[in-house]
């Protein structure tokens, strides 16, 4: 009924409506002689209605199109301005999106913008020439690899990593070797669909992944579940049984659109038993489920113990960390122990 009234108000020649609620049918009328009274029909003459602007605070749509500096709409069929509509954007050349790339038309008639465009950080020529400092993810060049969603592009997260890392490990150092190996494994775990295509783990079938001394996940588990579901299995702030490999990655990709860099801090022993500490960080600039981003820094630290073969293939990874402070922020809980929002 409300949509019927809205359509009449927005139609210049409409003077009334017949709404047949048994059929969910709306008739827009141009003269009063067609206004009829019958069972199952609500009829109204627009002349008898109170002025909408005086008695109704609810907007019919967003009057203007959303404007975001350095951004353009990617909607192929134009901008929809009705309440609840979302308009997708992209940034102009030379700018990158920070946040969720949508504007939403609110009931107030105003647009709620969930992102902004910022100038890309151009690395200096000297920086670009030092390619050996960039993360090296092995196993990405085989043309026969079965990718989940195409070959991944790490440009954005690599640039953020290079700008914001706290350590500068030298090429050839044990720290750099371990860091690149783990980044390569993470790439395969996130993007390679067939375990046969993985180049980072032992082929003896004894590979496993374990978090805080809990369940030992096999390589097949790793392919099916993905890193996030394995690492957050025991967190009270997410039910990983309701998430798939792809859905769990989508959650964090939307929440952290500028990437979620990872670095090795210190290597304490190895090989073959390599122990090291690590850091994960970003800014929360995109929505996590129904929680709006706060723009605050997100950071977690932890440690790992891994066994590698003589040719640096991983036999197991044991991770130790506390995910709950970060997950409490993302889910809106103020007190992790009591789970009170």
Protein backbone atom coordinates (compact mmCIF):
# COMPACT_ATOMS: atom_id res chain seq x y z
CA UNK A 1 0.00 0.00 0.00
CA UNK A 2 2.79 2.43 0.91
CA UNK A 3 4.52 1.83 -2.41
CA UNK A 4 1.21 2.48 -4.19
CA UNK A 5 0.84 5.83 -2.41
CA UNK A 6 4.47 6.74 -3.12
CA UNK A 7 4.03 6.02 -6.82
CA UNK A 8 0.92 8.21 -6.97
CA UNK A 9 2.68 11.11 -5.23
CA UNK A 10 5.56 10.90 -7.71
CA UNK A 11 3.21 10.76 -10.73
CA UNK A 12 2.09 14.23 -11.80
CA UNK A 13 -1.34 13.22 -13.23
CA UNK A 14 -2.34 10.84 -10.42
CA UNK A 15 -5.30 12.14 -8.37
CA UNK A 16 -6.06 8.98 -6.39
CA UNK A 17 -5.54 5.25 -5.95
CA UNK A 18 -7.53 2.04 -5.75
CA UNK A 19 -5.57 -0.59 -3.81
CA UNK A 20 -6.96 -4.14 -3.97
CA UNK A 21 -5.27 -5.73 -0.96
CA UNK A 22 -6.55 -9.24 -1.69
CA UNK A 23 -4.71 -9.16 -5.02
CA UNK A 24 -1.89 -6.77 -4.00
CA UNK A 25 -2.89 -4.66 -7.02
CA UNK A 26 -2.52 -0.88 -7.27
CA UNK A 27 -4.53 1.31 -9.71
CA UNK A 28 -3.29 4.89 -10.28
CA UNK A 29 -6.27 7.08 -11.22
CA UNK A 30 -6.45 10.19 -13.38
CA UNK A 31 -10.07 11.15 -12.59
CA UNK A 32 -12.39 10.66 -9.62
CA UNK A 33 -15.05 8.69 -11.48
CA UNK A 34 -12.84 5.60 -11.34
CA UNK A 35 -12.58 5.74 -7.54
CA UNK A 36 -14.73 2.81 -6.47
CA UNK A 37 -15.94 1.33 -3.22
CA UNK A 38 -16.05 -2.44 -3.05
CA UNK A 39 -15.05 -5.26 -0.72
CA UNK A 40 -11.30 -5.86 -0.74
CA UNK A 41 -10.50 -2.42 -2.19
CA UNK A 42 -9.12 0.67 -0.45
CA UNK A 43 -9.84 3.86 -2.41
CA UNK A 44 -8.55 7.37 -1.79
CA UNK A 45 -8.74 10.76 -3.51
CA UNK A 46 -5.38 12.53 -3.33
CA UNK A 47 -7.16 15.84 -2.66
CA UNK A 48 -8.26 14.49 0.72
CA UNK A 49 -4.72 13.58 1.81
CA UNK A 50 -2.80 15.80 4.23
CA UNK A 51 0.26 17.54 2.83
CA UNK A 52 3.06 15.00 2.83
CA UNK A 53 5.73 17.53 3.73
CA UNK A 54 3.75 18.62 6.81
CA UNK A 55 2.73 15.29 8.26
CA UNK A 56 5.32 12.80 7.00
CA UNK A 57 9.01 12.71 7.85
CA UNK A 58 9.61 9.73 5.56
CA UNK A 59 11.25 10.62 2.26
CA UNK A 60 10.10 8.91 -0.93
CA UNK A 61 13.60 8.73 -2.35
CA UNK A 62 16.95 10.49 -2.28
CA UNK A 63 16.46 13.70 -4.26
CA UNK A 64 20.04 14.06 -5.45
CA UNK A 65 22.51 11.53 -6.76
CA UNK A 66 25.37 10.70 -4.38
CA UNK A 67 28.57 12.65 -4.96
CA UNK A 68 31.90 11.33 -3.72
CA UNK A 69 35.13 13.16 -4.43
CA UNK A 70 37.24 11.43 -7.11
CA UNK A 71 34.68 8.62 -7.52
CA UNK A 72 32.34 7.59 -10.34
CA UNK A 73 29.33 5.26 -10.34
CA UNK A 74 29.73 1.84 -11.94
CA UNK A 75 25.97 1.21 -12.21
CA UNK A 76 25.31 0.14 -15.81
CA UNK A 77 21.66 1.18 -15.82
CA UNK A 78 21.87 4.48 -13.97
CA UNK A 79 21.58 5.52 -10.34
CA UNK A 80 18.56 4.22 -8.41
CA UNK A 81 17.42 6.77 -5.84
CA UNK A 82 14.67 4.82 -4.05
CA UNK A 83 14.91 4.18 -0.31
CA UNK A 84 17.28 1.32 0.45
CA UNK A 85 18.98 1.42 -2.95
CA UNK A 86 22.72 1.00 -3.09
CA UNK A 87 24.97 2.62 -5.67
CA UNK A 88 28.36 1.09 -6.40
CA UNK A 89 31.39 3.27 -7.19
CA UNK A 90 34.96 3.08 -8.33
CA UNK A 91 37.71 5.65 -7.88
CA UNK A 92 39.19 7.66 -10.71
CA UNK A 93 42.61 6.74 -12.09
CA UNK A 94 45.33 7.50 -9.57
CA UNK A 95 43.04 6.93 -6.58
CA UNK A 96 42.18 3.85 -4.54
CA UNK A 97 39.04 3.01 -2.57
CA UNK A 98 39.22 2.87 1.20
CA UNK A 99 36.11 1.21 2.62
CA UNK A 100 33.07 -0.52 1.13
CA UNK A 101 32.45 1.02 -2.34
CA UNK A 102 28.74 1.80 -1.92
CA UNK A 103 26.39 4.67 -1.04
CA UNK A 104 22.99 3.74 0.44
CA UNK A 105 19.78 5.81 0.17
CA UNK A 106 18.44 6.19 3.72
CA UNK A 107 14.77 6.70 4.76
CA UNK A 108 15.71 10.30 5.64
CA UNK A 109 16.34 10.98 1.94
CA UNK A 110 20.10 11.33 2.50
CA UNK A 111 22.90 9.21 1.14
CA UNK A 112 25.07 7.20 3.53
CA UNK A 113 28.55 6.89 2.01
CA UNK A 114 30.71 3.97 3.09
CA UNK A 115 34.02 4.82 1.42
CA UNK A 116 36.39 7.51 0.23
CA UNK A 117 38.99 7.75 -2.50
CA UNK A 118 42.58 8.48 -1.62
CA UNK A 119 45.56 9.16 -3.83
CA UNK A 120 47.67 6.12 -4.59
CA UNK A 121 51.04 6.08 -2.92
CA UNK A 122 53.60 5.92 -5.68
CA UNK A 123 56.77 4.14 -4.68
CA UNK A 124 59.99 5.90 -5.55
CA UNK A 125 62.10 4.60 -8.43
CA UNK A 126 64.74 3.48 -5.95
CA UNK A 127 62.08 1.63 -3.97
CA UNK A 128 60.66 0.04 -7.11
CA UNK A 129 64.09 -1.09 -8.25
CA UNK A 130 64.71 -2.92 -4.97
CA UNK A 131 62.35 -5.71 -5.99
CA UNK A 132 64.22 -8.21 -3.85
CA UNK A 133 62.78 -6.50 -0.77
CA UNK A 134 59.21 -7.13 -1.85
CA UNK A 135 57.49 -10.32 -0.67
CA UNK A 136 58.31 -13.27 -2.92
CA UNK A 137 55.41 -15.71 -3.22
CA UNK A 138 56.60 -18.84 -4.98
CA UNK A 139 54.35 -21.13 -7.00
CA UNK A 140 52.31 -18.45 -8.76
CA UNK A 141 53.57 -18.90 -12.32
CA UNK A 142 52.47 -22.43 -13.26
CA UNK A 143 49.92 -22.00 -16.11
CA UNK A 144 48.17 -25.25 -15.08
CA UNK A 145 47.33 -24.07 -11.55
CA UNK A 146 43.65 -24.34 -10.59
CA UNK A 147 42.84 -20.99 -8.99
CA UNK A 148 39.68 -20.47 -6.95
CA UNK A 149 38.89 -17.10 -8.48
CA UNK A 150 41.74 -16.42 -10.88
CA UNK A 151 45.37 -15.65 -10.15
CA UNK A 152 45.53 -13.22 -7.20
CA UNK A 153 47.02 -9.72 -7.41
CA UNK A 154 49.01 -8.67 -4.33
CA UNK A 155 49.93 -5.15 -5.48
CA UNK A 156 47.78 -3.28 -2.93
CA UNK A 157 48.76 -5.34 0.10
CA UNK A 158 52.43 -5.44 -0.98
CA UNK A 159 52.56 -1.64 -1.13
CA UNK A 160 50.92 -1.34 2.29
CA UNK A 161 53.35 -3.94 3.64
CA UNK A 162 56.37 -2.04 2.32
CA UNK A 163 55.12 1.29 3.72
CA UNK A 164 54.14 0.07 7.17
CA UNK A 165 56.25 -2.97 8.11
CA UNK A 166 58.23 -2.68 11.33
CA UNK A 167 61.12 -4.91 10.22
CA UNK A 168 63.39 -4.72 7.17
CA UNK A 169 64.82 -8.20 6.73
CA UNK A 170 67.79 -8.47 4.40
CA UNK A 171 67.60 -10.55 1.23
CA UNK A 172 68.95 -14.05 1.91
CA UNK A 173 68.45 -13.80 5.66
CA UNK A 174 66.64 -16.55 7.56
CA UNK A 175 63.95 -14.03 8.54
CA UNK A 176 63.27 -13.09 4.90
CA UNK A 177 63.27 -16.76 3.84
CA UNK A 178 60.75 -17.71 6.55
CA UNK A 179 58.57 -14.69 5.80
CA UNK A 180 58.39 -15.48 2.08
CA UNK A 181 57.73 -19.18 2.74
CA UNK A 182 54.79 -18.44 5.03
CA UNK A 183 53.40 -15.83 2.61
CA UNK A 184 53.64 -18.40 -0.18
CA UNK A 185 51.79 -20.99 1.92
CA UNK A 186 49.09 -18.42 2.79
CA UNK A 187 48.67 -17.60 -0.91
CA UNK A 188 48.22 -21.28 -1.76
CA UNK A 189 45.86 -21.88 1.15
CA UNK A 190 43.68 -18.92 0.14
CA UNK A 191 43.72 -19.25 -3.65
CA UNK A 192 44.73 -22.72 -4.89
CA UNK A 193 41.81 -25.12 -5.22
CA UNK A 194 43.79 -28.36 -5.75
CA UNK A 195 46.30 -29.55 -3.13
CA UNK A 196 48.35 -31.11 -5.94
CA UNK A 197 49.22 -27.59 -7.11
CA UNK A 198 50.71 -26.57 -3.75
CA UNK A 199 54.48 -26.13 -3.74
CA UNK A 200 55.06 -25.11 -0.11
CA UNK A 201 54.14 -28.24 1.87
CA UNK A 202 55.67 -31.68 2.26
CA UNK A 203 54.34 -34.20 -0.26
CA UNK A 204 54.66 -37.07 2.24
CA UNK A 205 51.06 -36.54 3.36
CA UNK A 206 52.10 -35.66 6.91
CA UNK A 207 51.39 -31.91 6.70
CA UNK A 208 49.13 -30.44 9.36
CA UNK A 209 48.10 -27.03 10.69
CA UNK A 210 47.34 -26.49 14.38
CA UNK A 211 46.16 -23.48 16.44
CA UNK A 212 46.88 -23.10 20.16
CA UNK A 213 47.42 -26.83 20.62
CA UNK A 214 43.96 -27.69 19.28
CA UNK A 215 42.76 -29.78 16.37
CA UNK A 216 45.31 -30.83 13.74
CA UNK A 217 44.01 -29.86 10.30
CA UNK A 218 45.25 -31.85 7.29
CA UNK A 219 46.10 -30.44 3.88
CA UNK A 220 42.62 -31.42 2.64
CA UNK A 221 41.09 -29.58 5.62
CA UNK A 222 43.19 -26.58 4.72
CA UNK A 223 41.82 -26.56 1.16
CA UNK A 224 38.22 -26.97 2.30
CA UNK A 225 38.16 -24.59 5.27
CA UNK A 226 40.78 -21.92 4.59
CA UNK A 227 43.00 -20.08 7.05
CA UNK A 228 40.37 -17.96 8.79
CA UNK A 229 38.07 -20.86 9.67
CA UNK A 230 40.98 -22.88 11.04
CA UNK A 231 42.48 -20.02 13.04
CA UNK A 232 39.14 -18.85 14.50
CA UNK A 233 37.71 -22.29 15.29
CA UNK A 234 37.60 -21.70 19.05
CA UNK A 235 36.74 -18.01 19.07
CA UNK A 236 33.36 -17.23 20.72
CA UNK A 237 32.91 -14.25 18.39
CA UNK A 238 32.33 -16.22 15.19
CA UNK A 239 30.62 -19.52 14.38
CA UNK A 240 32.93 -20.94 11.73
CA UNK A 241 30.57 -23.88 11.16
CA UNK A 242 28.34 -21.39 9.33
CA UNK A 243 31.17 -20.12 7.12
CA UNK A 244 32.74 -21.61 4.02
CA UNK A 245 36.26 -21.08 2.74
CA UNK A 246 35.04 -18.29 0.44
CA UNK A 247 32.56 -16.66 2.83
CA UNK A 248 35.13 -16.34 5.62
CA UNK A 249 37.62 -14.68 3.27
CA UNK A 250 34.90 -12.35 1.95
CA UNK A 251 34.12 -11.20 5.51
CA UNK A 252 37.64 -9.96 6.12
CA UNK A 253 38.23 -8.74 2.58
CA UNK A 254 35.24 -6.40 2.96
CA UNK A 255 36.28 -5.33 6.46
CA UNK A 256 39.91 -4.71 5.41
CA UNK A 257 39.71 -3.51 1.79
CA UNK A 258 43.28 -2.15 1.79
CA UNK A 259 44.67 -5.56 2.72
CA UNK A 260 45.81 -7.32 5.88
CA UNK A 261 49.63 -7.40 5.78
CA UNK A 262 51.65 -9.94 7.74
CA UNK A 263 55.33 -9.87 8.71
CA UNK A 264 57.86 -11.95 10.58
CA UNK A 265 59.26 -10.12 13.60
CA UNK A 266 62.02 -12.40 14.91
CA UNK A 267 63.18 -15.92 14.09
CA UNK A 268 64.22 -17.69 17.29
CA UNK A 269 65.40 -21.05 15.92
CA UNK A 270 65.69 -23.18 12.84
CA UNK A 271 65.71 -25.03 10.58
CA UNK A 272 64.48 -27.81 10.62
CA UNK A 273 62.37 -26.69 13.64
CA UNK A 274 61.74 -23.02 12.99
CA UNK A 275 60.17 -20.85 15.68
CA UNK A 276 59.32 -17.20 15.07
CA UNK A 277 57.09 -14.33 16.11
CA UNK A 278 54.82 -12.41 13.74
CA UNK A 279 52.55 -9.37 13.36
CA UNK A 280 49.27 -8.87 11.41
CA UNK A 281 47.88 -5.33 10.96
CA UNK A 282 45.55 -3.02 9.01
CA UNK A 283 42.83 -0.38 9.44
CA UNK A 284 39.17 -1.27 9.83
CA UNK A 285 37.62 0.70 6.95
CA UNK A 286 34.92 -1.66 5.62
CA UNK A 287 31.83 -3.30 7.19
CA UNK A 288 32.13 -6.56 9.09
CA UNK A 289 28.71 -8.22 8.74
CA UNK A 290 26.31 -5.63 10.24
CA UNK A 291 29.02 -3.68 12.07
CA UNK A 292 30.11 -0.38 10.57
CA UNK A 293 33.85 0.31 10.37
CA UNK A 294 35.47 2.59 12.93
CA UNK A 295 38.65 3.40 10.98
CA UNK A 296 40.75 2.26 13.93
CA UNK A 297 44.00 0.34 13.68
CA UNK A 298 43.69 -3.44 13.93
CA UNK A 299 46.72 -5.43 15.04
CA UNK A 300 47.45 -8.88 16.36
CA UNK A 301 50.71 -10.61 17.20
CA UNK A 302 51.59 -14.24 17.76
CA UNK A 303 54.19 -16.94 17.35
CA UNK A 304 54.69 -20.07 15.27
CA UNK A 305 56.62 -23.30 15.38
CA UNK A 306 57.09 -25.05 12.04
CA UNK A 307 59.08 -28.02 10.84
CA UNK A 308 60.56 -27.85 7.35
CA UNK A 309 62.32 -30.40 5.15
CA UNK A 310 65.84 -29.96 3.80
CA UNK A 311 64.37 -28.27 0.70
CA UNK A 312 62.21 -25.93 2.84
CA UNK A 313 58.86 -27.65 2.44
CA UNK A 314 56.53 -27.30 5.44
CA UNK A 315 55.70 -30.46 7.42
CA UNK A 316 53.56 -28.70 10.01
CA UNK A 317 52.69 -25.23 11.31
CA UNK A 318 51.70 -24.64 14.91
CA UNK A 319 50.24 -21.17 15.54
CA UNK A 320 49.85 -19.50 18.94
CA UNK A 321 47.84 -16.29 19.30
CA UNK A 322 44.73 -14.71 20.82
CA UNK A 323 42.21 -13.64 18.15
CA UNK A 324 39.53 -12.46 20.59
CA UNK A 325 40.52 -8.80 21.18
CA UNK A 326 40.33 -8.11 17.43
CA UNK A 327 37.19 -10.20 16.91
CA UNK A 328 35.50 -8.44 19.85
CA UNK A 329 36.10 -5.09 18.13
CA UNK A 330 34.73 -6.31 14.81
CA UNK A 331 31.58 -7.76 16.35
CA UNK A 332 30.85 -4.82 18.67
CA UNK A 333 31.48 -6.53 22.00
CA UNK A 334 33.00 -4.43 24.77
CA UNK A 335 33.73 -7.19 27.23
CA UNK A 336 35.12 -10.35 25.62
CA UNK A 337 34.75 -12.52 28.73
CA UNK A 338 31.07 -11.85 29.33
CA UNK A 339 30.14 -11.34 25.66
CA UNK A 340 28.19 -8.18 26.56
CA UNK A 341 27.87 -5.60 23.80
